[in-house]
């Protein structure tokens, strides 16, 4: 569809908005939730963990209709906000589960030692827990970014206006069946679509080792 291809930069902008907000929101919420699940005991803790695992195991295609009905009730179908909320439903549980594993591996003695040296609980959290959890945050950010950037089903269902679609939905416009597909354009568009993911990974991979060394020095 030649008309659809004219919206390339609009779809790139939409994808960047959706992905950046989804990644940042999932990291903040997931980190706080993971700290609560790993460091504190409260009623319903086990049930919450089981529910997260259940959500992770659900196929995304099975959530399309329920999420569409909920979003339509609040007039969020056809909006980037609705897509962001939808992405959080499957990115957030995995992010919480992943970060919980990283935080459980951090010795509690390090925080207690910092508090004995005069740090407050918040200070120990910022100086000890956060640097040591940095590799987990980076790994989770990579997963959230790649998953959100490559998602197609929800975006194609929720976004009907071509100017509001994400880049993966735009990319599908090149495919018109085995005989009508512009394979050259499809390969070029696929390369352009993959570039942001590659750039993001190259930027954050350095932070993994930085987080490890920063945590080791502070510990």
Protein backbone atom coordinates (compact mmCIF):
# COMPACT_ATOMS: atom_id res chain seq x y z
CA UNK A 1 0.00 0.00 0.00
CA UNK A 2 1.81 3.11 -1.24
CA UNK A 3 -0.27 5.43 0.92
CA UNK A 4 0.59 3.49 4.05
CA UNK A 5 4.30 3.84 3.34
CA UNK A 6 4.02 7.63 3.45
CA UNK A 7 3.38 7.39 7.20
CA UNK A 8 6.77 5.81 8.02
CA UNK A 9 8.11 8.62 10.23
CA UNK A 10 4.74 8.99 11.95
CA UNK A 11 4.77 5.31 12.85
CA UNK A 12 8.38 5.52 14.05
CA UNK A 13 7.43 8.43 16.30
CA UNK A 14 4.42 6.53 17.61
CA UNK A 15 6.50 3.43 18.30
CA UNK A 16 9.16 5.43 20.14
CA UNK A 17 6.53 7.14 22.28
CA UNK A 18 4.80 3.87 23.14
CA UNK A 19 7.99 1.92 23.75
CA UNK A 20 9.80 4.57 25.82
CA UNK A 21 6.81 5.16 28.11
CA UNK A 22 6.14 1.43 28.43
CA UNK A 23 9.79 0.68 29.27
CA UNK A 24 10.15 3.49 31.81
CA UNK A 25 6.82 2.74 33.49
CA UNK A 26 7.52 -0.99 33.65
CA UNK A 27 10.99 -0.45 35.13
CA UNK A 28 9.79 1.92 37.85
CA UNK A 29 6.71 -0.08 38.83
CA UNK A 30 8.42 -3.46 38.48
CA UNK A 31 11.44 -2.44 40.56
CA UNK A 32 9.32 -1.17 43.44
CA UNK A 33 7.08 -4.25 43.26
CA UNK A 34 10.10 -6.57 43.08
CA UNK A 35 11.64 -4.95 46.17
CA UNK A 36 8.38 -5.44 48.06
CA UNK A 37 8.09 -9.08 46.98
CA UNK A 38 11.73 -9.87 47.71
CA UNK A 39 12.30 -7.96 50.95
CA UNK A 40 8.97 -7.95 52.75
CA UNK A 41 6.34 -10.47 53.72
CA UNK A 42 2.68 -9.51 53.55
CA UNK A 43 -0.68 -11.20 53.11
CA UNK A 44 -1.40 -12.17 49.52
CA UNK A 45 2.29 -12.19 48.57
CA UNK A 46 2.28 -15.78 47.33
CA UNK A 47 -1.00 -15.28 45.48
CA UNK A 48 0.43 -12.23 43.71
CA UNK A 49 3.47 -14.22 42.56
CA UNK A 50 1.26 -17.03 41.28
CA UNK A 51 -0.95 -14.56 39.41
CA UNK A 52 2.09 -13.00 37.74
CA UNK A 53 3.30 -16.40 36.58
CA UNK A 54 -0.19 -17.14 35.27
CA UNK A 55 -0.27 -13.90 33.28
CA UNK A 56 3.14 -14.67 31.79
CA UNK A 57 1.90 -18.09 30.66
CA UNK A 58 -1.21 -16.71 28.94
CA UNK A 59 -0.93 -16.37 25.13
CA UNK A 60 -1.17 -12.77 23.99
CA UNK A 61 -3.77 -13.62 21.35
CA UNK A 62 -6.11 -14.80 24.09
CA UNK A 63 -6.03 -11.36 25.72
CA UNK A 64 -6.99 -9.35 22.65
CA UNK A 65 -10.77 -9.47 23.08
CA UNK A 66 -10.89 -8.91 26.89
CA UNK A 67 -8.46 -6.00 26.69
CA UNK A 68 -10.31 -4.50 23.72
CA UNK A 69 -13.59 -4.60 25.64
CA UNK A 70 -12.02 -2.93 28.69
CA UNK A 71 -10.28 -0.25 26.65
CA UNK A 72 -13.44 0.44 24.62
CA UNK A 73 -15.34 1.01 27.86
CA UNK A 74 -12.92 3.80 28.78
CA UNK A 75 -12.66 5.16 25.21
CA UNK A 76 -9.00 4.19 24.84
CA UNK A 77 -9.31 2.19 21.62
CA UNK A 78 -7.45 3.94 18.81
CA UNK A 79 -5.15 5.83 21.20
CA UNK A 80 -1.48 5.37 22.05
CA UNK A 81 -2.42 5.44 25.73
CA UNK A 82 -4.50 2.30 25.25
CA UNK A 83 -1.61 0.58 23.50
CA UNK A 84 0.79 1.53 26.29
CA UNK A 85 -1.54 0.14 28.96
CA UNK A 86 -1.95 -3.02 26.90
CA UNK A 87 1.81 -3.50 26.60
CA UNK A 88 2.20 -3.09 30.35
CA UNK A 89 -0.14 -6.04 30.93
CA UNK A 90 2.41 -8.51 29.56
CA UNK A 91 5.69 -6.62 30.03
CA UNK A 92 5.16 -5.72 33.70
CA UNK A 93 4.65 -9.24 35.15
CA UNK A 94 7.80 -10.55 33.49
CA UNK A 95 9.76 -7.48 34.59
CA UNK A 96 8.65 -7.94 38.21
CA UNK A 97 9.54 -11.62 38.15
CA UNK A 98 12.97 -10.96 36.62
CA UNK A 99 13.90 -8.11 38.97
CA UNK A 100 12.70 -10.08 41.99
CA UNK A 101 15.25 -12.75 41.15
CA UNK A 102 18.05 -10.16 40.96
CA UNK A 103 17.05 -8.52 44.24
CA UNK A 104 16.82 -11.86 46.06
CA UNK A 105 20.45 -12.45 45.08
CA UNK A 106 21.60 -9.27 46.86
CA UNK A 107 22.77 -10.06 50.43
CA UNK A 108 20.69 -8.31 53.05
CA UNK A 109 23.85 -7.82 55.13
CA UNK A 110 25.05 -5.13 52.71
CA UNK A 111 22.04 -2.93 53.42
CA UNK A 112 22.29 -3.57 57.15
CA UNK A 113 26.00 -2.68 57.11
CA UNK A 114 25.27 0.60 55.34
CA UNK A 115 22.59 1.45 57.90
CA UNK A 116 25.01 0.66 60.75
CA UNK A 117 27.48 3.09 59.15
CA UNK A 118 24.88 5.84 59.39
CA UNK A 119 22.89 5.53 56.18
CA UNK A 120 19.13 5.76 56.31
CA UNK A 121 17.00 3.03 54.77
CA UNK A 122 16.50 5.22 51.71
CA UNK A 123 20.24 5.92 51.54
CA UNK A 124 21.06 2.21 51.74
CA UNK A 125 18.46 1.59 49.04
CA UNK A 126 20.03 4.15 46.69
CA UNK A 127 23.70 3.43 47.46
CA UNK A 128 23.61 -0.36 47.78
CA UNK A 129 20.49 -1.96 46.36
CA UNK A 130 20.09 0.18 43.24
CA UNK A 131 23.67 -0.21 41.89
CA UNK A 132 23.68 -3.95 42.56
CA UNK A 133 20.34 -4.32 40.78
CA UNK A 134 21.54 -2.27 37.78
CA UNK A 135 22.35 -5.33 35.60
CA UNK A 136 18.85 -6.65 36.25
CA UNK A 137 17.33 -3.28 35.34
CA UNK A 138 19.29 -3.21 32.09
CA UNK A 139 18.34 -6.77 31.18
CA UNK A 140 14.70 -6.03 31.95
CA UNK A 141 14.83 -2.81 29.92
CA UNK A 142 16.19 -4.74 26.91
CA UNK A 143 13.40 -7.30 27.18
CA UNK A 144 10.72 -4.63 27.59
CA UNK A 145 12.07 -2.58 24.68
CA UNK A 146 12.37 -5.48 22.24
CA UNK A 147 8.99 -6.95 23.21
CA UNK A 148 7.17 -3.63 22.93
CA UNK A 149 8.91 -2.59 19.71
CA UNK A 150 8.18 -5.89 17.93
CA UNK A 151 4.58 -6.27 19.13
CA UNK A 152 2.07 -6.43 16.29
CA UNK A 153 -1.23 -8.06 17.30
CA UNK A 154 -2.47 -5.51 19.85
CA UNK A 155 -1.25 -2.53 17.83
CA UNK A 156 -2.98 -3.72 14.67
CA UNK A 157 -6.26 -4.33 16.52
CA UNK A 158 -6.31 -1.14 18.59
CA UNK A 159 -4.93 1.37 16.07
CA UNK A 160 -6.95 1.77 12.88
CA UNK A 161 -5.81 5.24 11.79
CA UNK A 162 -2.66 4.96 9.66
CA UNK A 163 -1.08 8.04 11.23
CA UNK A 164 -1.50 6.55 14.72
CA UNK A 165 -0.13 3.07 13.98
CA UNK A 166 3.18 1.68 15.15
CA UNK A 167 6.04 0.78 12.85
CA UNK A 168 5.35 -2.97 12.94
CA UNK A 169 1.82 -2.41 11.66
CA UNK A 170 3.21 -0.10 8.98
CA UNK A 171 5.70 -2.83 8.02
CA UNK A 172 2.85 -5.28 7.40
CA UNK A 173 1.64 -2.97 4.61
CA UNK A 174 4.44 -4.28 2.39
CA UNK A 175 3.05 -7.80 2.44
CA UNK A 176 0.33 -8.44 -0.08
CA UNK A 177 0.48 -12.19 -0.54
CA UNK A 178 3.10 -14.30 -2.29
CA UNK A 179 2.56 -12.59 -5.67
CA UNK A 180 1.90 -8.99 -4.68
CA UNK A 181 4.59 -8.50 -2.05
CA UNK A 182 7.29 -5.90 -2.62
CA UNK A 183 10.11 -8.06 -1.28
CA UNK A 184 12.80 -5.46 -1.89
CA UNK A 185 10.82 -2.82 -0.03
CA UNK A 186 9.94 -5.30 2.70
CA UNK A 187 13.58 -6.20 3.33
CA UNK A 188 14.63 -2.53 3.35
CA UNK A 189 11.78 -1.61 5.70
CA UNK A 190 12.62 -4.55 7.98
CA UNK A 191 16.21 -3.31 8.22
CA UNK A 192 15.04 0.19 9.12
CA UNK A 193 12.67 -1.23 11.72
CA UNK A 194 15.46 -3.28 13.33
CA UNK A 195 17.91 -0.36 13.62
CA UNK A 196 16.40 1.20 16.81
CA UNK A 197 16.56 -2.16 18.61
CA UNK A 198 20.21 -2.63 17.64
CA UNK A 199 21.11 0.93 18.67
CA UNK A 200 19.34 0.55 22.01
CA UNK A 201 21.14 -2.70 22.77
CA UNK A 202 24.54 -1.21 21.87
CA UNK A 203 23.87 1.72 24.19
CA UNK A 204 22.77 -0.28 27.22
CA UNK A 205 25.15 -3.23 27.00
CA UNK A 206 27.93 -1.07 28.46
CA UNK A 207 25.74 -0.35 31.47
CA UNK A 208 25.60 -4.02 32.41
CA UNK A 209 29.29 -4.15 33.30
CA UNK A 210 29.05 -0.66 34.84
CA UNK A 211 26.30 -1.83 37.16
CA UNK A 212 28.31 -4.90 38.19
CA UNK A 213 31.47 -2.92 38.97
CA UNK A 214 29.60 -0.09 40.72
CA UNK A 215 27.83 -2.56 42.96
CA UNK A 216 31.05 -4.40 43.74
CA UNK A 217 32.88 -1.23 44.74
CA UNK A 218 30.05 0.02 46.93
CA UNK A 219 29.59 -3.37 48.53
